[in-house]
Amino acid sequence: MTETTYDVMYFQFPGMADISRLILETVGAKYTNTFITDESFKPIKHEQRFGKVPRLTVKKPDGTVSYVWESKAIHEYLAEVFNLLPDGASSDPLLRAECMSNIHSLYEQMDRLMMMRIMPTLELRKVVRDMSVADKLPKALEYHEKIVAQSGGTYYFGNKLTLPDLILYALNVRFKRYFGEGVLINETVTPSLYKLVQSLEAGKPGEYVRERSDWGKRKWDTEQLTYVAV
């Protein structure tokens, strides 16, 4: 083995683990997927930190094997390894914090989407959806639009691709799945975010989403506003 390889262990459901795959695909890293089920996870649950997945396995060329748990920690680890942080962030705590604040704000919007799909009734899911689309998500995106518009380039930090760009792209994939094309990020309302998303859509992130990202055994039901078995 002449290069570091990776393995993503998770259930056959996109979830936050798919952002880890998106990062690996974007940088051209060599990786595999280990898909588990509720039954196959039971005997290995105690071996996982906090008893949870996803788990990223890192295999170095010298045979060393390491593990990283928790999606957000995995994303940050991969960003460090593949230079997906702003230039100078490793030695500038304030710049790094600025980058992380963008990322954590985007994670918050993903949490809003999760709240919608886990509501126990369709009526409640509709309430959360309507509130999110009409108020919460557009307001949050206004701030992100301003940040990218003032960056001096296509991305959050000028013309360098960084982790928040990929998180925004992944968020927009969810927007399209849950609400439809262009409902929240579009050329009219959020032109800078739209330009960012289109740039990634035309590259490796878009290729991955179109051709290889459908790992789930459950599909989004636009009428029930939740995932259903297929």
C-alpha atoms as a PDB file:
ATOM      1  CA  MET A   1       0.000   0.000   0.000  1.00  0.00           C
ATOM      2  CA  THR A   2       1.525   3.309  -1.116  1.00  0.00           C
ATOM      3  CA  GLU A   3      -1.138   5.752   0.042  1.00  0.00           C
ATOM      4  CA  THR A   4      -3.397   6.291   3.010  1.00  0.00           C
ATOM      5  CA  THR A   5      -6.800   4.694   2.529  1.00  0.00           C
ATOM      6  CA  TYR A   6     -10.059   5.209   4.357  1.00  0.00           C
ATOM      7  CA  ASP A   7     -13.202   3.309   5.240  1.00  0.00           C
ATOM      8  CA  VAL A   8     -16.547   4.795   6.259  1.00  0.00           C
ATOM      9  CA  MET A   9     -18.682   2.555   8.472  1.00  0.00           C
ATOM     10  CA  TYR A  10     -22.350   3.474   8.681  1.00  0.00           C
ATOM     11  CA  PHE A  11     -25.874   2.236   8.086  1.00  0.00           C
ATOM     12  CA  GLN A  12     -27.325   2.266   4.567  1.00  0.00           C
ATOM     13  CA  PHE A  13     -28.709   5.727   5.082  1.00  0.00           C
ATOM     14  CA  PRO A  14     -27.007   8.901   3.806  1.00  0.00           C
ATOM     15  CA  GLY A  15     -27.019  10.934   7.028  1.00  0.00           C
ATOM     16  CA  MET A  16     -24.000  12.968   8.083  1.00  0.00           C
ATOM     17  CA  ALA A  17     -21.698  10.139   7.022  1.00  0.00           C
ATOM     18  CA  ASP A  18     -22.394  11.060   3.428  1.00  0.00           C
ATOM     19  CA  ILE A  19     -20.629  14.380   3.981  1.00  0.00           C
ATOM     20  CA  SER A  20     -17.518  12.390   4.896  1.00  0.00           C
ATOM     21  CA  ARG A  21     -17.854  10.532   1.590  1.00  0.00           C
ATOM     22  CA  LEU A  22     -18.404  13.838  -0.222  1.00  0.00           C
ATOM     23  CA  ILE A  23     -15.132  15.164   1.202  1.00  0.00           C
ATOM     24  CA  LEU A  24     -13.223  12.009   0.283  1.00  0.00           C
ATOM     25  CA  GLU A  25     -14.649  12.059  -3.235  1.00  0.00           C
ATOM     26  CA  THR A  26     -13.839  15.740  -3.701  1.00  0.00           C
ATOM     27  CA  VAL A  27     -10.176  15.327  -2.786  1.00  0.00           C
ATOM     28  CA  GLY A  28      -9.808  12.075  -4.722  1.00  0.00           C
ATOM     29  CA  ALA A  29      -8.951   9.920  -1.701  1.00  0.00           C
ATOM     30  CA  LYS A  30      -9.129   6.150  -1.901  1.00  0.00           C
ATOM     31  CA  TYR A  31     -11.879   4.812   0.349  1.00  0.00           C
ATOM     32  CA  THR A  32     -14.395   2.041   0.860  1.00  0.00           C
ATOM     33  CA  ASN A  33     -17.772   1.761   2.548  1.00  0.00           C
ATOM     34  CA  THR A  34     -18.656  -0.720   5.269  1.00  0.00           C
ATOM     35  CA  PHE A  35     -22.422  -0.856   5.532  1.00  0.00           C
ATOM     36  CA  ILE A  36     -23.973  -2.230   8.698  1.00  0.00           C
ATOM     37  CA  THR A  37     -27.462  -3.164   9.818  1.00  0.00           C
ATOM     38  CA  ASP A  38     -29.052  -3.008  13.248  1.00  0.00           C
ATOM     39  CA  GLU A  39     -28.289  -6.699  13.655  1.00  0.00           C
ATOM     40  CA  SER A  40     -24.679  -6.593  12.485  1.00  0.00           C
ATOM     41  CA  PHE A  41     -24.012  -3.527  14.634  1.00  0.00           C
ATOM     42  CA  LYS A  42     -25.111  -5.113  17.910  1.00  0.00           C
ATOM     43  CA  PRO A  43     -22.011  -7.307  18.465  1.00  0.00           C
ATOM     44  CA  ILE A  44     -19.595  -4.472  17.637  1.00  0.00           C
ATOM     45  CA  LYS A  45     -21.421  -1.578  19.288  1.00  0.00           C
ATOM     46  CA  HIS A  46     -19.342  -1.836  22.472  1.00  0.00           C
ATOM     47  CA  GLU A  47     -16.158  -1.471  20.401  1.00  0.00           C
ATOM     48  CA  GLN A  48     -17.189   1.952  19.089  1.00  0.00           C
ATOM     49  CA  ARG A  49     -16.398   5.140  20.941  1.00  0.00           C
ATOM     50  CA  PHE A  50     -19.646   6.247  22.599  1.00  0.00           C
ATOM     51  CA  GLY A  51     -21.276   3.137  21.111  1.00  0.00           C
ATOM     52  CA  LYS A  52     -22.042   4.970  17.881  1.00  0.00           C
ATOM     53  CA  VAL A  53     -21.218   5.250  14.198  1.00  0.00           C
ATOM     54  CA  PRO A  54     -20.160   6.596  11.738  1.00  0.00           C
ATOM     55  CA  ARG A  55     -16.580   5.506  12.154  1.00  0.00           C
ATOM     56  CA  LEU A  56     -13.745   6.512   9.880  1.00  0.00           C
ATOM     57  CA  THR A  57     -10.905   4.005   9.590  1.00  0.00           C
ATOM     58  CA  VAL A  58      -7.562   5.459   8.520  1.00  0.00           C
ATOM     59  CA  LYS A  59      -4.998   3.001   7.136  1.00  0.00           C
ATOM     60  CA  LYS A  60      -1.514   4.452   6.660  1.00  0.00           C
ATOM     61  CA  PRO A  61       1.030   3.070   4.163  1.00  0.00           C
ATOM     62  CA  ASP A  62       3.123   1.683   7.049  1.00  0.00           C
ATOM     63  CA  GLY A  63       0.172  -0.448   8.191  1.00  0.00           C
ATOM     64  CA  THR A  64      -0.884   1.800  11.076  1.00  0.00           C
ATOM     65  CA  VAL A  65      -4.647   1.815  11.588  1.00  0.00           C
ATOM     66  CA  SER A  66      -6.475   4.619  13.406  1.00  0.00           C
ATOM     67  CA  TYR A  67     -10.128   5.428  13.974  1.00  0.00           C
ATOM     68  CA  VAL A  68     -12.156   8.620  14.195  1.00  0.00           C
ATOM     69  CA  TRP A  69     -15.741   8.713  15.481  1.00  0.00           C
ATOM     70  CA  GLU A  70     -18.489  11.361  15.410  1.00  0.00           C
ATOM     71  CA  SER A  71     -19.401  12.925  12.067  1.00  0.00           C
ATOM     72  CA  LYS A  72     -18.340  16.485  12.818  1.00  0.00           C
ATOM     73  CA  ALA A  73     -14.991  15.334  14.192  1.00  0.00           C
ATOM     74  CA  ILE A  74     -14.498  13.223  11.058  1.00  0.00           C
ATOM     75  CA  HIS A  75     -15.256  16.210   8.837  1.00  0.00           C
ATOM     76  CA  GLU A  76     -12.790  18.403  10.700  1.00  0.00           C
ATOM     77  CA  TYR A  77     -10.122  15.694  10.655  1.00  0.00           C
ATOM     78  CA  LEU A  78     -10.459  15.278   6.893  1.00  0.00           C
ATOM     79  CA  ALA A  79     -10.381  19.049   6.424  1.00  0.00           C
ATOM     80  CA  GLU A  80      -7.065  19.143   8.295  1.00  0.00           C
ATOM     81  CA  VAL A  81      -5.590  16.259   6.336  1.00  0.00           C
ATOM     82  CA  PHE A  82      -6.656  17.506   2.908  1.00  0.00           C
ATOM     83  CA  ASN A  83      -6.029  21.234   3.384  1.00  0.00           C
ATOM     84  CA  LEU A  84      -9.694  22.228   3.384  1.00  0.00           C
ATOM     85  CA  LEU A  85      -9.213  25.018   5.906  1.00  0.00           C
ATOM     86  CA  PRO A  86      -8.411  28.653   5.060  1.00  0.00           C
ATOM     87  CA  ASP A  87      -4.773  29.408   4.382  1.00  0.00           C
ATOM     88  CA  GLY A  88      -3.121  30.280   7.674  1.00  0.00           C
ATOM     89  CA  ALA A  89      -5.835  28.733   9.857  1.00  0.00           C
ATOM     90  CA  SER A  90      -3.381  26.288  11.430  1.00  0.00           C
ATOM     91  CA  SER A  91      -1.455  29.169  13.008  1.00  0.00           C
ATOM     92  CA  ASP A  92      -4.261  31.712  13.395  1.00  0.00           C
ATOM     93  CA  PRO A  93      -6.850  30.692  16.024  1.00  0.00           C
ATOM     94  CA  LEU A  94      -9.151  33.571  15.086  1.00  0.00           C
ATOM     95  CA  LEU A  95      -9.224  32.604  11.397  1.00  0.00           C
ATOM     96  CA  ARG A  96      -9.861  28.995  12.335  1.00  0.00           C
ATOM     97  CA  ALA A  97     -12.695  30.052  14.650  1.00  0.00           C
ATOM     98  CA  GLU A  98     -14.205  32.115  11.825  1.00  0.00           C
ATOM     99  CA  CYS A  99     -14.164  29.056   9.586  1.00  0.00           C
ATOM    100  CA  MET A 100     -15.665  26.853  12.295  1.00  0.00           C
ATOM    101  CA  SER A 101     -18.412  29.392  13.012  1.00  0.00           C
ATOM    102  CA  ASN A 102     -19.514  29.167   9.371  1.00  0.00           C
ATOM    103  CA  ILE A 103     -19.525  25.391   9.578  1.00  0.00           C
ATOM    104  CA  HIS A 104     -21.425  25.173  12.854  1.00  0.00           C
ATOM    105  CA  SER A 105     -24.079  27.579  11.605  1.00  0.00           C
ATOM    106  CA  LEU A 106     -24.612  25.299   8.603  1.00  0.00           C
ATOM    107  CA  TYR A 107     -24.821  22.277  10.890  1.00  0.00           C
ATOM    108  CA  GLU A 108     -27.574  24.087  12.803  1.00  0.00           C
ATOM    109  CA  GLN A 109     -29.597  24.340   9.608  1.00  0.00           C
ATOM    110  CA  MET A 110     -29.118  20.622   9.019  1.00  0.00           C
ATOM    111  CA  ASP A 111     -30.460  20.040  12.512  1.00  0.00           C
ATOM    112  CA  ARG A 112     -33.588  21.990  11.551  1.00  0.00           C
ATOM    113  CA  LEU A 113     -34.126  19.612   8.655  1.00  0.00           C
ATOM    114  CA  MET A 114     -33.646  16.628  10.944  1.00  0.00           C
ATOM    115  CA  MET A 115     -36.267  18.021  13.323  1.00  0.00           C
ATOM    116  CA  MET A 116     -38.753  18.070  10.466  1.00  0.00           C
ATOM    117  CA  ARG A 117     -38.278  14.471   9.424  1.00  0.00           C
ATOM    118  CA  ILE A 118     -38.317  13.008  12.947  1.00  0.00           C
ATOM    119  CA  MET A 119     -41.603  14.599  13.996  1.00  0.00           C
ATOM    120  CA  PRO A 120     -44.056  11.783  14.848  1.00  0.00           C
ATOM    121  CA  THR A 121     -46.968  12.969  12.683  1.00  0.00           C
ATOM    122  CA  LEU A 122     -47.350  14.400   9.195  1.00  0.00           C
ATOM    123  CA  GLU A 123     -49.134  17.433  10.621  1.00  0.00           C
ATOM    124  CA  LEU A 124     -46.172  18.281  12.842  1.00  0.00           C
ATOM    125  CA  ARG A 125     -43.712  17.662  10.011  1.00  0.00           C
ATOM    126  CA  LYS A 126     -45.643  20.135   7.858  1.00  0.00           C
ATOM    127  CA  VAL A 127     -45.573  22.730  10.637  1.00  0.00           C
ATOM    128  CA  VAL A 128     -41.802  22.434  11.008  1.00  0.00           C
ATOM    129  CA  ARG A 129     -41.312  22.455   7.227  1.00  0.00           C
ATOM    130  CA  ASP A 130     -43.423  25.558   6.684  1.00  0.00           C
ATOM    131  CA  MET A 131     -41.764  27.420   9.547  1.00  0.00           C
ATOM    132  CA  SER A 132     -38.311  26.479   8.291  1.00  0.00           C
ATOM    133  CA  VAL A 133     -38.900  27.444   4.665  1.00  0.00           C
ATOM    134  CA  ALA A 134     -40.757  30.667   5.449  1.00  0.00           C
ATOM    135  CA  ASP A 135     -38.561  32.015   8.219  1.00  0.00           C
ATOM    136  CA  LYS A 136     -35.715  30.157   9.916  1.00  0.00           C
ATOM    137  CA  LEU A 137     -33.715  28.896   6.940  1.00  0.00           C
ATOM    138  CA  PRO A 138     -33.982  32.026   4.740  1.00  0.00           C
ATOM    139  CA  LYS A 139     -32.858  34.235   7.626  1.00  0.00           C
ATOM    140  CA  ALA A 140     -29.835  32.046   8.289  1.00  0.00           C
ATOM    141  CA  LEU A 141     -28.943  31.968   4.598  1.00  0.00           C
ATOM    142  CA  GLU A 142     -29.015  35.775   4.443  1.00  0.00           C
ATOM    143  CA  TYR A 143     -25.976  35.850   6.718  1.00  0.00           C
ATOM    144  CA  HIS A 144     -24.157  33.223   4.697  1.00  0.00           C
ATOM    145  CA  GLU A 145     -24.956  35.069   1.474  1.00  0.00           C
ATOM    146  CA  LYS A 146     -23.330  38.202   2.882  1.00  0.00           C
ATOM    147  CA  ILE A 147     -20.225  36.306   4.027  1.00  0.00           C
ATOM    148  CA  VAL A 148     -19.631  34.688   0.644  1.00  0.00           C
ATOM    149  CA  ALA A 149     -20.462  37.890  -1.258  1.00  0.00           C
ATOM    150  CA  GLN A 150     -17.777  39.735   0.720  1.00  0.00           C
ATOM    151  CA  SER A 151     -15.125  37.005   0.423  1.00  0.00           C
ATOM    152  CA  GLY A 152     -13.678  38.312  -2.816  1.00  0.00           C
ATOM    153  CA  GLY A 153     -14.128  34.993  -4.593  1.00  0.00           C
ATOM    154  CA  THR A 154     -16.488  32.120  -5.269  1.00  0.00           C
ATOM    155  CA  TYR A 155     -16.173  30.480  -1.861  1.00  0.00           C
ATOM    156  CA  TYR A 156     -16.350  31.354   1.830  1.00  0.00           C
ATOM    157  CA  PHE A 157     -12.641  32.165   1.827  1.00  0.00           C
ATOM    158  CA  GLY A 158     -12.019  33.726  -1.538  1.00  0.00           C
ATOM    159  CA  ASN A 159     -11.174  31.249  -4.264  1.00  0.00           C
ATOM    160  CA  LYS A 160      -9.934  28.473  -2.000  1.00  0.00           C
ATOM    161  CA  LEU A 161     -12.268  25.525  -1.481  1.00  0.00           C
ATOM    162  CA  THR A 162     -12.726  24.875   2.237  1.00  0.00           C
ATOM    163  CA  LEU A 163     -14.913  22.718   4.447  1.00  0.00           C
ATOM    164  CA  PRO A 164     -17.795  25.214   4.818  1.00  0.00           C
ATOM    165  CA  ASP A 165     -18.213  25.209   1.030  1.00  0.00           C
ATOM    166  CA  LEU A 166     -18.726  21.453   1.027  1.00  0.00           C
ATOM    167  CA  ILE A 167     -21.074  21.617   4.021  1.00  0.00           C
ATOM    168  CA  LEU A 168     -23.168  24.258   2.244  1.00  0.00           C
ATOM    169  CA  TYR A 169     -23.265  22.087  -0.865  1.00  0.00           C
ATOM    170  CA  ALA A 170     -24.411  19.092   1.181  1.00  0.00           C
ATOM    171  CA  LEU A 171     -27.055  21.271   2.833  1.00  0.00           C
ATOM    172  CA  ASN A 172     -28.355  22.348  -0.559  1.00  0.00           C
ATOM    173  CA  VAL A 173     -28.599  18.710  -1.642  1.00  0.00           C
ATOM    174  CA  ARG A 174     -30.939  18.247   1.311  1.00  0.00           C
ATOM    175  CA  PHE A 175     -32.868  21.406   0.428  1.00  0.00           C
ATOM    176  CA  LYS A 176     -33.542  20.053  -3.061  1.00  0.00           C
ATOM    177  CA  ARG A 177     -34.560  16.664  -1.706  1.00  0.00           C
ATOM    178  CA  TYR A 178     -36.922  18.047   0.922  1.00  0.00           C
ATOM    179  CA  PHE A 179     -38.290  21.232  -0.667  1.00  0.00           C
ATOM    180  CA  GLY A 180     -37.535  21.162  -4.385  1.00  0.00           C
ATOM    181  CA  GLU A 181     -35.043  22.771  -6.754  1.00  0.00           C
ATOM    182  CA  GLY A 182     -34.127  26.393  -6.047  1.00  0.00           C
ATOM    183  CA  VAL A 183     -36.555  26.957  -3.180  1.00  0.00           C
ATOM    184  CA  LEU A 184     -33.949  28.342  -0.765  1.00  0.00           C
ATOM    185  CA  ILE A 185     -30.721  28.806  -2.729  1.00  0.00           C
ATOM    186  CA  ASN A 186     -31.255  30.406  -6.118  1.00  0.00           C
ATOM    187  CA  GLU A 187     -29.752  33.017  -8.424  1.00  0.00           C
ATOM    188  CA  THR A 188     -32.274  35.702  -7.490  1.00  0.00           C
ATOM    189  CA  VAL A 189     -32.314  35.613  -3.681  1.00  0.00           C
ATOM    190  CA  THR A 190     -28.881  34.193  -2.845  1.00  0.00           C
ATOM    191  CA  PRO A 191     -26.699  34.793  -5.933  1.00  0.00           C
ATOM    192  CA  SER A 192     -23.370  34.257  -4.168  1.00  0.00           C
ATOM    193  CA  LEU A 193     -24.458  30.993  -2.549  1.00  0.00           C
ATOM    194  CA  TYR A 194     -25.974  29.921  -5.851  1.00  0.00           C
ATOM    195  CA  LYS A 195     -22.680  30.578  -7.649  1.00  0.00           C
ATOM    196  CA  LEU A 196     -20.808  28.574  -5.001  1.00  0.00           C
ATOM    197  CA  VAL A 197     -23.211  25.649  -5.277  1.00  0.00           C
ATOM    198  CA  GLN A 198     -23.102  25.688  -9.078  1.00  0.00           C
ATOM    199  CA  SER A 199     -19.310  25.658  -9.018  1.00  0.00           C
ATOM    200  CA  LEU A 200     -19.302  22.484  -6.917  1.00  0.00           C
ATOM    201  CA  GLU A 201     -22.171  20.992  -8.894  1.00  0.00           C
ATOM    202  CA  ALA A 202     -19.990  21.169 -12.005  1.00  0.00           C
ATOM    203  CA  GLY A 203     -17.065  19.425 -10.301  1.00  0.00           C
ATOM    204  CA  LYS A 204     -16.335  16.299  -8.283  1.00  0.00           C
ATOM    205  CA  PRO A 205     -18.934  16.989  -5.554  1.00  0.00           C
ATOM    206  CA  GLY A 206     -21.705  17.169  -8.150  1.00  0.00           C
ATOM    207  CA  GLU A 207     -20.459  14.065  -9.921  1.00  0.00           C
ATOM    208  CA  TYR A 208     -20.508  12.148  -6.652  1.00  0.00           C
ATOM    209  CA  VAL A 209     -24.033  13.263  -5.730  1.00  0.00           C
ATOM    210  CA  ARG A 210     -25.408  12.451  -9.178  1.00  0.00           C
ATOM    211  CA  GLU A 211     -23.674   9.132  -9.735  1.00  0.00           C
ATOM    212  CA  ARG A 212     -22.625   7.473  -6.482  1.00  0.00           C
ATOM    213  CA  SER A 213     -24.327   8.936  -3.417  1.00  0.00           C
ATOM    214  CA  ASP A 214     -27.512   6.862  -3.328  1.00  0.00           C
ATOM    215  CA  TRP A 215     -26.589   4.520  -0.484  1.00  0.00           C
ATOM    216  CA  GLY A 216     -29.903   4.407   1.291  1.00  0.00           C
ATOM    217  CA  LYS A 217     -32.411   1.630   1.644  1.00  0.00           C
ATOM    218  CA  ARG A 218     -34.889   4.354   2.510  1.00  0.00           C
ATOM    219  CA  LYS A 219     -36.106   7.067   0.142  1.00  0.00           C
ATOM    220  CA  TRP A 220     -37.486  10.506   0.844  1.00  0.00           C
ATOM    221  CA  ASP A 221     -41.274  10.594   0.521  1.00  0.00           C
ATOM    222  CA  THR A 222     -42.312  14.102  -0.544  1.00  0.00           C
ATOM    223  CA  GLU A 223     -45.891  13.537   0.597  1.00  0.00           C
ATOM    224  CA  GLN A 224     -45.154  12.030   4.012  1.00  0.00           C
ATOM    225  CA  LEU A 225     -42.114  14.290   4.567  1.00  0.00           C
ATOM    226  CA  THR A 226     -40.012  11.466   5.912  1.00  0.00           C
ATOM    227  CA  TYR A 227     -37.877   8.551   4.764  1.00  0.00           C
ATOM    228  CA  VAL A 228     -39.665   5.327   3.905  1.00  0.00           C
ATOM    229  CA  ALA A 229     -38.351   1.820   3.263  1.00  0.00           C
ATOM    230  CA  VAL A 230     -37.933   0.697  -0.337  1.00  0.00           C
END
